[in-house]
N, C-alpha and C. Protein backbone atom coordinates (compact mmCIF):
# COMPACT_ATOMS: atom_id res chain seq x y z
N MET A 1 183.74 79.29 -93.19
CA MET A 1 183.46 79.65 -94.57
C MET A 1 183.62 78.43 -95.47
N LYS A 2 182.97 78.48 -96.58
CA LYS A 2 183.01 77.39 -97.56
C LYS A 2 183.89 77.81 -98.73
N GLN A 3 184.87 76.96 -99.06
CA GLN A 3 185.74 77.28 -100.19
C GLN A 3 185.05 76.90 -101.48
N LEU A 4 184.95 77.87 -102.40
CA LEU A 4 184.29 77.66 -103.69
C LEU A 4 185.27 77.41 -104.82
N GLN A 5 186.40 78.10 -104.78
CA GLN A 5 187.45 77.98 -105.78
C GLN A 5 188.79 78.08 -105.07
N GLU A 6 189.85 77.94 -105.82
CA GLU A 6 191.19 77.99 -105.23
C GLU A 6 191.40 79.28 -104.43
N ASP A 7 190.80 80.37 -104.89
CA ASP A 7 191.04 81.67 -104.27
C ASP A 7 189.77 82.34 -103.75
N LEU A 8 188.68 81.59 -103.61
CA LEU A 8 187.39 82.19 -103.29
C LEU A 8 186.65 81.39 -102.22
N TRP A 9 186.16 82.09 -101.19
CA TRP A 9 185.40 81.49 -100.10
C TRP A 9 184.07 82.22 -99.92
N GLN A 10 183.08 81.47 -99.45
CA GLN A 10 181.75 82.02 -99.16
C GLN A 10 181.53 82.01 -97.65
N SER A 11 181.02 83.13 -97.13
CA SER A 11 180.82 83.25 -95.69
C SER A 11 179.62 82.43 -95.22
N THR A 12 179.48 82.34 -93.92
CA THR A 12 178.30 81.75 -93.29
C THR A 12 177.07 82.54 -93.70
N ILE A 13 175.98 81.84 -93.91
CA ILE A 13 174.74 82.51 -94.31
C ILE A 13 174.19 83.36 -93.17
N TYR A 14 173.65 84.50 -93.53
CA TYR A 14 172.92 85.34 -92.58
C TYR A 14 171.51 85.50 -93.11
N SER A 15 170.52 85.22 -92.30
CA SER A 15 169.12 85.25 -92.74
C SER A 15 168.32 86.24 -91.90
N MET A 16 167.43 86.94 -92.59
CA MET A 16 166.49 87.84 -91.94
C MET A 16 165.14 87.64 -92.63
N GLY A 17 164.29 86.82 -92.01
CA GLY A 17 163.06 86.43 -92.67
C GLY A 17 163.37 85.55 -93.86
N ALA A 18 162.78 85.86 -95.02
CA ALA A 18 163.01 85.07 -96.23
C ALA A 18 164.29 85.48 -96.95
N LEU A 19 164.90 86.58 -96.52
CA LEU A 19 166.06 87.12 -97.21
C LEU A 19 167.35 86.59 -96.60
N ASN A 20 168.25 86.11 -97.45
CA ASN A 20 169.54 85.58 -97.02
C ASN A 20 170.67 86.39 -97.65
N THR A 21 171.83 86.36 -97.01
CA THR A 21 173.01 87.00 -97.59
C THR A 21 174.26 86.17 -97.31
N HIS A 22 175.23 86.31 -98.20
CA HIS A 22 176.58 85.79 -98.01
C HIS A 22 177.56 86.91 -98.33
N ALA A 23 178.73 86.84 -97.73
CA ALA A 23 179.87 87.63 -98.16
C ALA A 23 180.85 86.69 -98.86
N TYR A 24 181.82 87.25 -99.57
CA TYR A 24 182.78 86.45 -100.32
C TYR A 24 184.19 86.97 -100.07
N PHE A 25 185.07 86.05 -99.72
CA PHE A 25 186.47 86.37 -99.45
C PHE A 25 187.30 85.94 -100.65
N LEU A 26 188.06 86.88 -101.19
CA LEU A 26 188.90 86.61 -102.36
C LEU A 26 190.36 86.77 -101.96
N ARG A 27 191.13 85.70 -102.14
CA ARG A 27 192.57 85.76 -101.88
C ARG A 27 193.29 86.13 -103.17
N ARG A 28 194.06 87.21 -103.11
CA ARG A 28 194.74 87.69 -104.32
C ARG A 28 196.12 88.22 -103.95
N PRO A 29 197.06 88.19 -104.91
CA PRO A 29 198.44 88.59 -104.62
C PRO A 29 198.56 90.03 -104.14
N ASP A 30 197.69 90.91 -104.61
CA ASP A 30 197.79 92.34 -104.29
C ASP A 30 196.94 92.72 -103.08
N GLY A 31 196.64 91.76 -102.24
CA GLY A 31 195.85 92.03 -101.04
C GLY A 31 194.47 91.43 -101.12
N ASN A 32 194.08 90.71 -100.09
CA ASN A 32 192.80 90.01 -100.09
C ASN A 32 191.64 90.99 -100.00
N VAL A 33 190.49 90.54 -100.52
CA VAL A 33 189.30 91.38 -100.60
C VAL A 33 188.12 90.66 -99.98
N LEU A 34 187.30 91.40 -99.23
CA LEU A 34 186.01 90.90 -98.77
C LEU A 34 184.93 91.66 -99.52
N PHE A 35 184.12 90.93 -100.27
CA PHE A 35 182.98 91.51 -100.96
C PHE A 35 181.75 91.38 -100.07
N TYR A 36 181.02 92.46 -99.95
CA TYR A 36 179.82 92.53 -99.12
C TYR A 36 180.22 92.55 -97.63
N ASN A 37 179.47 91.87 -96.78
CA ASN A 37 179.71 92.04 -95.35
C ASN A 37 179.33 90.79 -94.56
N THR A 38 180.07 90.52 -93.52
CA THR A 38 179.75 89.44 -92.58
C THR A 38 180.18 89.85 -91.18
N GLY A 39 179.42 89.44 -90.20
CA GLY A 39 179.78 89.70 -88.81
C GLY A 39 179.95 88.43 -88.00
N HIS A 40 179.93 87.28 -88.67
CA HIS A 40 180.06 86.00 -87.97
C HIS A 40 181.48 85.84 -87.42
N ASP A 41 181.59 85.49 -86.15
CA ASP A 41 182.90 85.32 -85.52
C ASP A 41 183.75 84.29 -86.25
N ALA A 42 183.13 83.16 -86.62
CA ALA A 42 183.88 82.09 -87.28
C ALA A 42 184.43 82.56 -88.62
N ASP A 43 183.65 83.36 -89.35
CA ASP A 43 184.13 83.89 -90.63
C ASP A 43 185.34 84.79 -90.42
N LEU A 44 185.24 85.69 -89.46
CA LEU A 44 186.32 86.64 -89.22
C LEU A 44 187.58 85.93 -88.72
N ASP A 45 187.41 84.87 -87.93
CA ASP A 45 188.56 84.09 -87.48
C ASP A 45 189.25 83.42 -88.68
N GLN A 46 188.44 82.87 -89.59
CA GLN A 46 189.03 82.20 -90.75
C GLN A 46 189.68 83.20 -91.69
N ILE A 47 189.07 84.36 -91.84
CA ILE A 47 189.68 85.41 -92.66
C ILE A 47 191.05 85.78 -92.10
N ALA A 48 191.14 85.86 -90.78
CA ALA A 48 192.44 86.15 -90.15
C ALA A 48 193.45 85.05 -90.46
N GLU A 49 193.01 83.79 -90.41
CA GLU A 49 193.90 82.67 -90.71
C GLU A 49 194.36 82.69 -92.16
N LEU A 50 193.52 83.23 -93.04
CA LEU A 50 193.84 83.29 -94.47
C LEU A 50 194.64 84.54 -94.83
N GLY A 51 194.98 85.34 -93.84
CA GLY A 51 195.83 86.49 -94.11
C GLY A 51 195.17 87.84 -94.00
N GLY A 52 193.90 87.86 -93.53
CA GLY A 52 193.21 89.14 -93.39
C GLY A 52 192.77 89.70 -94.72
N ILE A 53 192.35 90.96 -94.72
CA ILE A 53 191.91 91.60 -95.96
C ILE A 53 192.54 92.99 -96.07
N ARG A 54 192.75 93.41 -97.31
CA ARG A 54 193.23 94.76 -97.59
C ARG A 54 192.07 95.70 -97.87
N PHE A 55 191.05 95.17 -98.57
CA PHE A 55 189.89 95.98 -98.93
C PHE A 55 188.60 95.24 -98.59
N GLN A 56 187.59 96.00 -98.18
CA GLN A 56 186.22 95.50 -98.12
C GLN A 56 185.41 96.31 -99.12
N LEU A 57 184.79 95.62 -100.07
CA LEU A 57 184.05 96.28 -101.14
C LEU A 57 182.56 96.05 -100.95
N LEU A 58 181.80 97.12 -100.84
CA LEU A 58 180.35 97.05 -100.72
C LEU A 58 179.71 97.46 -102.04
N SER A 59 178.67 96.75 -102.42
CA SER A 59 177.98 97.09 -103.67
C SER A 59 176.98 98.22 -103.48
N HIS A 60 176.42 98.33 -102.26
CA HIS A 60 175.45 99.39 -101.99
C HIS A 60 175.14 99.44 -100.49
N ARG A 61 174.29 100.35 -100.13
CA ARG A 61 174.03 100.69 -98.71
C ARG A 61 173.43 99.55 -97.89
N ASP A 62 172.71 98.64 -98.51
CA ASP A 62 172.05 97.58 -97.75
C ASP A 62 173.04 96.63 -97.09
N GLU A 63 174.30 96.66 -97.52
CA GLU A 63 175.32 95.79 -96.93
C GLU A 63 176.02 96.44 -95.73
N SER A 64 175.62 97.65 -95.41
CA SER A 64 176.23 98.36 -94.29
C SER A 64 175.75 97.79 -92.96
N GLY A 65 176.53 98.01 -91.92
CA GLY A 65 176.16 97.52 -90.59
C GLY A 65 177.28 97.75 -89.60
N LEU A 66 177.03 97.43 -88.35
CA LEU A 66 178.01 97.67 -87.30
C LEU A 66 179.28 96.85 -87.47
N SER A 67 179.19 95.73 -88.18
CA SER A 67 180.37 94.88 -88.37
C SER A 67 181.43 95.55 -89.24
N LEU A 68 181.07 96.59 -90.00
CA LEU A 68 182.06 97.27 -90.84
C LEU A 68 183.21 97.82 -90.00
N LYS A 69 182.88 98.48 -88.91
CA LYS A 69 183.93 99.06 -88.05
C LYS A 69 184.75 97.96 -87.40
N ARG A 70 184.09 96.89 -87.01
CA ARG A 70 184.81 95.77 -86.40
C ARG A 70 185.82 95.19 -87.38
N ILE A 71 185.42 95.03 -88.63
CA ILE A 71 186.32 94.48 -89.65
C ILE A 71 187.51 95.41 -89.87
N LYS A 72 187.24 96.71 -89.95
CA LYS A 72 188.34 97.68 -90.11
C LYS A 72 189.31 97.60 -88.94
N ASP A 73 188.78 97.49 -87.74
CA ASP A 73 189.63 97.43 -86.55
C ASP A 73 190.45 96.15 -86.50
N LEU A 74 189.85 95.04 -86.93
CA LEU A 74 190.53 93.75 -86.89
C LEU A 74 191.67 93.67 -87.90
N PHE A 75 191.42 94.15 -89.12
CA PHE A 75 192.34 93.88 -90.22
C PHE A 75 193.05 95.13 -90.74
N GLY A 76 192.66 96.31 -90.28
CA GLY A 76 193.25 97.52 -90.83
C GLY A 76 192.90 97.70 -92.29
N SER A 77 191.77 97.17 -92.69
CA SER A 77 191.36 97.19 -94.10
C SER A 77 190.74 98.54 -94.46
N ARG A 78 190.62 98.76 -95.76
CA ARG A 78 190.04 100.00 -96.28
C ARG A 78 188.64 99.69 -96.81
N LEU A 79 187.68 100.47 -96.37
CA LEU A 79 186.29 100.28 -96.75
C LEU A 79 186.00 101.08 -98.02
N CYS A 80 185.41 100.41 -99.01
CA CYS A 80 185.22 101.02 -100.33
C CYS A 80 183.78 100.86 -100.78
N CYS A 81 183.24 101.92 -101.38
CA CYS A 81 181.90 101.89 -101.95
C CYS A 81 181.75 103.07 -102.89
N SER A 82 180.62 103.13 -103.57
CA SER A 82 180.32 104.27 -104.44
C SER A 82 180.20 105.54 -103.62
N ALA A 83 180.63 106.65 -104.19
CA ALA A 83 180.50 107.95 -103.52
C ALA A 83 179.04 108.27 -103.23
N LEU A 84 178.12 107.79 -104.06
CA LEU A 84 176.70 108.06 -103.85
C LEU A 84 176.14 107.29 -102.66
N GLU A 85 176.76 106.17 -102.32
CA GLU A 85 176.31 105.37 -101.18
C GLU A 85 177.06 105.72 -99.89
N ALA A 86 178.18 106.41 -100.03
CA ALA A 86 179.05 106.68 -98.88
C ALA A 86 178.38 107.44 -97.74
N PRO A 87 177.51 108.43 -98.01
CA PRO A 87 176.89 109.13 -96.88
C PRO A 87 176.07 108.22 -95.96
N VAL A 88 175.43 107.20 -96.53
CA VAL A 88 174.66 106.26 -95.73
C VAL A 88 175.58 105.26 -95.05
N ILE A 89 176.49 104.67 -95.81
CA ILE A 89 177.41 103.67 -95.26
C ILE A 89 178.31 104.29 -94.21
N GLY A 90 178.67 105.55 -94.41
CA GLY A 90 179.56 106.24 -93.48
C GLY A 90 178.99 106.43 -92.10
N LYS A 91 177.70 106.20 -91.93
CA LYS A 91 177.10 106.27 -90.59
C LYS A 91 177.54 105.09 -89.72
N ASP A 92 177.95 103.99 -90.37
CA ASP A 92 178.39 102.80 -89.63
C ASP A 92 179.91 102.71 -89.49
N ALA A 93 180.63 103.20 -90.50
CA ALA A 93 182.09 103.16 -90.46
C ALA A 93 182.63 104.15 -91.49
N GLN A 94 183.83 104.63 -91.26
CA GLN A 94 184.43 105.59 -92.19
C GLN A 94 184.71 104.92 -93.52
N VAL A 95 184.26 105.55 -94.59
CA VAL A 95 184.55 105.07 -95.94
C VAL A 95 185.92 105.60 -96.35
N ASP A 96 186.82 104.71 -96.73
CA ASP A 96 188.18 105.10 -97.09
C ASP A 96 188.33 105.43 -98.57
N ILE A 97 187.63 104.70 -99.41
CA ILE A 97 187.68 104.94 -100.86
C ILE A 97 186.25 105.03 -101.37
N ALA A 98 185.89 106.20 -101.90
CA ALA A 98 184.54 106.41 -102.45
C ALA A 98 184.67 106.50 -103.96
N PHE A 99 184.15 105.51 -104.66
CA PHE A 99 184.30 105.45 -106.11
C PHE A 99 183.47 106.54 -106.79
N GLN A 100 184.13 107.30 -107.65
CA GLN A 100 183.44 108.25 -108.51
C GLN A 100 183.04 107.53 -109.80
N SER A 101 182.17 108.16 -110.58
CA SER A 101 181.71 107.54 -111.82
C SER A 101 182.85 107.30 -112.80
N SER A 102 183.95 108.04 -112.63
CA SER A 102 185.11 107.88 -113.51
C SER A 102 186.06 106.78 -113.05
N ASP A 103 185.80 106.19 -111.89
CA ASP A 103 186.65 105.12 -111.36
C ASP A 103 186.14 103.77 -111.85
N HIS A 104 187.01 103.04 -112.54
CA HIS A 104 186.59 101.77 -113.12
C HIS A 104 187.44 100.58 -112.68
N ARG A 105 188.50 100.82 -111.92
CA ARG A 105 189.33 99.71 -111.46
C ARG A 105 189.88 100.01 -110.08
N LEU A 106 190.00 98.96 -109.30
CA LEU A 106 190.75 98.99 -108.05
C LEU A 106 191.76 97.86 -108.15
N GLY A 107 192.96 98.19 -108.61
CA GLY A 107 193.92 97.15 -108.91
C GLY A 107 193.42 96.29 -110.05
N ASP A 108 193.30 94.98 -109.79
CA ASP A 108 192.83 94.07 -110.83
C ASP A 108 191.35 93.73 -110.69
N VAL A 109 190.63 94.49 -109.89
CA VAL A 109 189.18 94.32 -109.75
C VAL A 109 188.48 95.42 -110.55
N ASP A 110 187.61 95.03 -111.47
CA ASP A 110 186.84 96.00 -112.25
C ASP A 110 185.66 96.50 -111.43
N ILE A 111 185.46 97.81 -111.45
CA ILE A 111 184.30 98.44 -110.82
C ILE A 111 183.30 98.77 -111.92
N ILE A 112 182.09 98.25 -111.80
CA ILE A 112 181.06 98.49 -112.81
C ILE A 112 179.94 99.28 -112.15
N HIS A 113 179.76 100.50 -112.58
CA HIS A 113 178.72 101.35 -112.01
C HIS A 113 177.37 100.92 -112.57
N THR A 114 176.51 100.49 -111.67
CA THR A 114 175.21 99.93 -112.08
C THR A 114 174.08 100.57 -111.28
N PRO A 115 173.85 101.87 -111.45
CA PRO A 115 172.73 102.50 -110.74
C PRO A 115 171.40 101.89 -111.16
N GLY A 116 170.44 101.93 -110.26
CA GLY A 116 169.12 101.39 -110.58
C GLY A 116 168.47 100.77 -109.37
N HIS A 117 169.13 99.79 -108.77
CA HIS A 117 168.61 99.24 -107.51
C HIS A 117 168.61 100.35 -106.46
N THR A 118 169.76 100.99 -106.32
CA THR A 118 169.89 102.26 -105.60
C THR A 118 170.69 103.19 -106.51
N ALA A 119 170.81 104.45 -106.10
CA ALA A 119 171.48 105.43 -106.95
C ALA A 119 172.94 105.07 -107.20
N GLY A 120 173.60 104.52 -106.19
CA GLY A 120 175.03 104.28 -106.29
C GLY A 120 175.44 102.83 -106.32
N SER A 121 174.55 101.94 -106.69
CA SER A 121 174.91 100.52 -106.73
C SER A 121 176.06 100.27 -107.71
N VAL A 122 176.97 99.41 -107.32
CA VAL A 122 178.07 99.00 -108.19
C VAL A 122 178.19 97.48 -108.15
N CYS A 123 178.79 96.94 -109.19
CA CYS A 123 179.13 95.52 -109.24
C CYS A 123 180.64 95.41 -109.42
N PHE A 124 181.17 94.23 -109.19
CA PHE A 124 182.61 94.02 -109.28
C PHE A 124 182.90 92.77 -110.11
N PHE A 125 183.92 92.86 -110.96
CA PHE A 125 184.28 91.77 -111.86
C PHE A 125 185.76 91.48 -111.70
N TYR A 126 186.08 90.19 -111.56
CA TYR A 126 187.47 89.80 -111.31
C TYR A 126 187.81 88.57 -112.13
N LYS A 127 188.93 88.64 -112.84
CA LYS A 127 189.42 87.49 -113.60
C LYS A 127 190.49 86.80 -112.76
N SER A 128 190.16 85.63 -112.27
CA SER A 128 191.06 84.90 -111.39
C SER A 128 192.24 84.34 -112.18
N PRO A 129 193.44 84.33 -111.60
CA PRO A 129 194.57 83.69 -112.27
C PRO A 129 194.40 82.18 -112.38
N TYR A 130 193.40 81.64 -111.70
CA TYR A 130 193.14 80.20 -111.78
C TYR A 130 192.18 79.86 -112.91
N GLY A 131 191.80 80.86 -113.72
CA GLY A 131 191.07 80.58 -114.95
C GLY A 131 189.61 80.94 -114.99
N LYS A 132 189.01 81.27 -113.86
CA LYS A 132 187.59 81.62 -113.83
C LYS A 132 187.43 83.13 -113.66
N SER A 133 186.28 83.64 -114.09
CA SER A 133 185.94 85.04 -113.85
C SER A 133 184.74 85.11 -112.93
N TYR A 134 184.82 86.03 -111.97
CA TYR A 134 183.80 86.16 -110.93
C TYR A 134 183.09 87.51 -111.07
N LEU A 135 181.77 87.48 -111.03
CA LEU A 135 180.97 88.71 -111.05
C LEU A 135 180.18 88.81 -109.75
N PHE A 136 180.40 89.89 -109.02
CA PHE A 136 179.71 90.15 -107.77
C PHE A 136 178.66 91.23 -108.04
N THR A 137 177.40 90.84 -108.05
CA THR A 137 176.34 91.72 -108.56
C THR A 137 175.60 92.50 -107.48
N GLY A 138 175.94 92.28 -106.20
CA GLY A 138 175.15 92.94 -105.16
C GLY A 138 173.69 92.55 -105.29
N ASP A 139 172.81 93.54 -105.30
CA ASP A 139 171.38 93.28 -105.49
C ASP A 139 170.89 93.76 -106.85
N THR A 140 171.81 94.13 -107.74
CA THR A 140 171.40 94.59 -109.06
C THR A 140 170.69 93.47 -109.81
N ILE A 141 171.19 92.27 -109.69
CA ILE A 141 170.49 91.07 -110.17
C ILE A 141 170.82 89.97 -109.17
N PHE A 142 169.79 89.26 -108.73
CA PHE A 142 169.98 88.31 -107.63
C PHE A 142 169.10 87.08 -107.85
N GLN A 143 169.35 86.07 -107.05
CA GLN A 143 168.59 84.83 -107.13
C GLN A 143 167.39 84.87 -106.20
N SER A 144 166.24 84.48 -106.73
CA SER A 144 165.02 84.37 -105.94
C SER A 144 164.37 83.03 -106.26
N ASP A 145 164.49 82.09 -105.34
CA ASP A 145 163.95 80.74 -105.52
C ASP A 145 164.44 80.12 -106.83
N GLY A 146 165.73 80.28 -107.09
CA GLY A 146 166.35 79.65 -108.25
C GLY A 146 166.18 80.38 -109.55
N LYS A 147 165.57 81.56 -109.54
CA LYS A 147 165.40 82.35 -110.75
C LYS A 147 166.05 83.71 -110.56
N TRP A 148 166.45 84.33 -111.66
CA TRP A 148 167.04 85.66 -111.59
C TRP A 148 165.95 86.70 -111.37
N ALA A 149 166.26 87.69 -110.56
CA ALA A 149 165.29 88.74 -110.25
C ALA A 149 166.02 90.06 -110.05
N THR A 150 165.26 91.13 -110.00
CA THR A 150 165.81 92.45 -109.71
C THR A 150 164.70 93.32 -109.14
N LEU A 151 165.07 94.44 -108.56
CA LEU A 151 164.09 95.41 -108.08
C LEU A 151 164.79 96.73 -107.84
N PHE A 152 164.01 97.81 -107.80
CA PHE A 152 164.60 99.13 -107.58
C PHE A 152 163.87 99.84 -106.47
N PHE A 153 164.61 100.71 -105.78
CA PHE A 153 164.07 101.47 -104.65
C PHE A 153 164.13 102.96 -104.96
N PRO A 154 163.03 103.55 -105.39
CA PRO A 154 163.04 104.99 -105.69
C PRO A 154 163.47 105.84 -104.50
N GLN A 155 163.14 105.41 -103.29
CA GLN A 155 163.51 106.18 -102.10
C GLN A 155 165.01 106.20 -101.87
N ALA A 156 165.74 105.29 -102.52
CA ALA A 156 167.20 105.27 -102.44
C ALA A 156 167.83 105.71 -103.75
N GLY A 157 167.04 106.38 -104.59
CA GLY A 157 167.55 106.88 -105.86
C GLY A 157 167.50 105.89 -107.00
N GLY A 158 166.87 104.75 -106.79
CA GLY A 158 166.78 103.75 -107.85
C GLY A 158 165.69 104.08 -108.85
N SER A 159 165.80 103.49 -110.04
CA SER A 159 164.77 103.69 -111.06
C SER A 159 164.78 102.54 -112.04
N GLU A 160 163.64 102.31 -112.67
CA GLU A 160 163.53 101.23 -113.65
C GLU A 160 164.45 101.48 -114.84
N ALA A 161 164.46 102.70 -115.35
CA ALA A 161 165.25 103.01 -116.54
C ALA A 161 166.74 102.81 -116.28
N ALA A 162 167.21 103.32 -115.15
CA ALA A 162 168.63 103.17 -114.82
C ALA A 162 168.99 101.71 -114.61
N LEU A 163 168.10 100.96 -113.99
CA LEU A 163 168.37 99.55 -113.73
C LEU A 163 168.44 98.76 -115.03
N ALA A 164 167.54 99.03 -115.96
CA ALA A 164 167.57 98.35 -117.25
C ALA A 164 168.88 98.63 -117.98
N ASP A 165 169.33 99.88 -117.97
CA ASP A 165 170.60 100.22 -118.60
C ASP A 165 171.77 99.50 -117.93
N SER A 166 171.72 99.41 -116.61
CA SER A 166 172.80 98.75 -115.88
C SER A 166 172.83 97.25 -116.17
N LEU A 167 171.68 96.64 -116.27
CA LEU A 167 171.63 95.22 -116.61
C LEU A 167 172.22 94.97 -117.99
N LEU A 168 171.95 95.86 -118.93
CA LEU A 168 172.54 95.72 -120.26
C LEU A 168 174.06 95.83 -120.19
N ARG A 169 174.55 96.67 -119.29
CA ARG A 169 176.00 96.79 -119.11
C ARG A 169 176.58 95.46 -118.61
N LEU A 170 175.88 94.81 -117.71
CA LEU A 170 176.35 93.52 -117.20
C LEU A 170 176.27 92.43 -118.27
N ARG A 171 175.36 92.58 -119.20
CA ARG A 171 175.19 91.59 -120.27
C ARG A 171 176.45 91.45 -121.10
N ASN A 172 177.22 92.53 -121.19
CA ASN A 172 178.42 92.51 -122.02
C ASN A 172 179.58 91.76 -121.38
N LEU A 173 179.43 91.39 -120.13
CA LEU A 173 180.48 90.64 -119.45
C LEU A 173 180.33 89.16 -119.74
N ASN A 174 181.37 88.42 -119.42
CA ASN A 174 181.33 86.97 -119.66
C ASN A 174 181.79 86.24 -118.39
N PRO A 175 180.98 86.30 -117.32
CA PRO A 175 181.39 85.67 -116.06
C PRO A 175 181.24 84.15 -116.10
N ASP A 176 182.07 83.49 -115.34
CA ASP A 176 181.90 82.05 -115.13
C ASP A 176 181.06 81.78 -113.89
N MET A 177 181.17 82.67 -112.90
CA MET A 177 180.42 82.52 -111.66
C MET A 177 179.82 83.87 -111.28
N VAL A 178 178.55 83.85 -110.87
CA VAL A 178 177.86 85.08 -110.48
C VAL A 178 177.44 84.94 -109.02
N MET A 179 177.80 85.93 -108.21
CA MET A 179 177.51 85.89 -106.78
C MET A 179 176.79 87.17 -106.37
N CYS A 180 175.51 87.03 -106.03
CA CYS A 180 174.75 88.18 -105.56
C CYS A 180 174.98 88.36 -104.06
N SER A 181 174.49 89.45 -103.54
CA SER A 181 174.59 89.72 -102.10
C SER A 181 173.40 89.10 -101.38
N ALA A 182 172.23 89.66 -101.59
CA ALA A 182 171.01 89.09 -101.01
C ALA A 182 170.41 88.07 -101.97
N PHE A 183 169.69 87.09 -101.40
CA PHE A 183 169.01 86.10 -102.24
C PHE A 183 167.88 85.48 -101.43
N VAL A 184 166.94 84.90 -102.15
CA VAL A 184 165.81 84.20 -101.54
C VAL A 184 165.89 82.74 -101.97
N GLY A 185 165.74 81.83 -101.02
CA GLY A 185 165.82 80.41 -101.36
C GLY A 185 167.18 79.84 -101.04
N ASP A 186 167.59 78.83 -101.81
CA ASP A 186 168.81 78.10 -101.51
C ASP A 186 169.97 78.43 -102.45
N VAL A 187 169.72 79.10 -103.56
CA VAL A 187 170.75 79.33 -104.57
C VAL A 187 171.34 80.73 -104.41
N SER A 188 172.65 80.81 -104.24
CA SER A 188 173.32 82.10 -104.09
C SER A 188 174.46 82.30 -105.08
N VAL A 189 175.00 81.21 -105.59
CA VAL A 189 176.08 81.25 -106.57
C VAL A 189 175.64 80.47 -107.80
N VAL A 190 175.82 81.07 -108.97
CA VAL A 190 175.40 80.41 -110.20
C VAL A 190 176.57 80.39 -111.18
N LYS A 191 176.88 79.21 -111.69
CA LYS A 191 177.85 79.08 -112.77
C LYS A 191 177.12 79.21 -114.09
N VAL A 192 177.64 80.03 -114.98
CA VAL A 192 176.94 80.33 -116.23
C VAL A 192 177.88 80.25 -117.42
N THR A 193 177.29 79.97 -118.58
CA THR A 193 177.99 80.15 -119.85
C THR A 193 177.64 81.55 -120.38
N GLY A 194 178.32 81.97 -121.42
CA GLY A 194 178.02 83.26 -122.00
C GLY A 194 176.59 83.37 -122.47
N ASP A 195 176.10 82.34 -123.14
CA ASP A 195 174.72 82.36 -123.64
C ASP A 195 173.72 82.35 -122.49
N GLU A 196 173.99 81.58 -121.45
CA GLU A 196 173.08 81.53 -120.30
C GLU A 196 173.00 82.89 -119.60
N TRP A 197 174.14 83.56 -119.50
CA TRP A 197 174.15 84.86 -118.84
C TRP A 197 173.39 85.90 -119.65
N ALA A 198 173.62 85.90 -120.95
CA ALA A 198 172.89 86.84 -121.81
C ALA A 198 171.39 86.62 -121.72
N GLN A 199 170.97 85.36 -121.71
CA GLN A 199 169.55 85.05 -121.60
C GLN A 199 168.99 85.46 -120.25
N ALA A 200 169.78 85.27 -119.20
CA ALA A 200 169.34 85.68 -117.86
C ALA A 200 169.10 87.18 -117.79
N ILE A 201 169.99 87.94 -118.38
CA ILE A 201 169.82 89.40 -118.40
C ILE A 201 168.60 89.79 -119.22
N ASP A 202 168.46 89.20 -120.40
CA ASP A 202 167.32 89.53 -121.26
C ASP A 202 166.00 89.23 -120.56
N ASP A 203 165.92 88.07 -119.93
CA ASP A 203 164.69 87.69 -119.24
C ASP A 203 164.40 88.62 -118.06
N THR A 204 165.44 89.02 -117.34
CA THR A 204 165.25 89.90 -116.19
C THR A 204 164.78 91.28 -116.62
N ILE A 205 165.34 91.81 -117.69
CA ILE A 205 164.90 93.11 -118.20
C ILE A 205 163.45 93.03 -118.67
N HIS A 206 163.09 91.93 -119.31
CA HIS A 206 161.71 91.75 -119.78
C HIS A 206 160.73 91.75 -118.61
N ARG A 207 161.07 91.01 -117.55
CA ARG A 207 160.19 90.98 -116.39
C ARG A 207 160.14 92.33 -115.68
N LEU A 208 161.26 93.04 -115.67
CA LEU A 208 161.31 94.36 -115.04
C LEU A 208 160.31 95.30 -115.70
N GLY A 209 160.26 95.27 -117.02
CA GLY A 209 159.33 96.13 -117.74
C GLY A 209 157.88 95.77 -117.49
N LYS A 210 157.61 94.49 -117.32
CA LYS A 210 156.23 94.05 -117.09
C LYS A 210 155.77 94.35 -115.67
N GLU A 211 156.72 94.29 -114.71
CA GLU A 211 156.34 94.46 -113.31
C GLU A 211 156.30 95.92 -112.87
N ALA A 212 156.98 96.78 -113.62
CA ALA A 212 157.06 98.19 -113.21
C ALA A 212 155.71 98.89 -113.35
């Protein structure tokens, strides 16, 4: 894994055609967290060296896979996702914590309900004690060849209207670093200012309306 910050690591890249993904390991006093998913042996070995994980947080169903059960077995971690995504994710591994719409925090990690890409998509926001804030957006907004993009899947309960509302919800945040789950191209982590983030959201909503 690649260390990005004092308390944050990025997993080995996984590619399927043009689509790439990373997971992110967060070391925190109240138990380490793995955002998204990885099945790479080297990643799991390093996670063990760093103290394992207490929680694995998935943003939506596309991050599910056979490695979920392996991670639970290795670390005794608790698998967490939206209650709306749990029936699909639960086919690969037992979901331990299913977030309801009224759930907004897991310890010091903010849960942001962002339906639109899928019915139960969520994002996660964390203010690091080392001074930076991290936003994990899943596929609600992601990098595509160095530009921000989004898309919705009606067959998974997604919709343009819900996605636009969710993007506006993310606009109110002030992240220093944004980490999507899937991405196209070489850029997966973006450092932003408040103005840059607001503009990224505005531009993405504008394109969403034109492409729908």
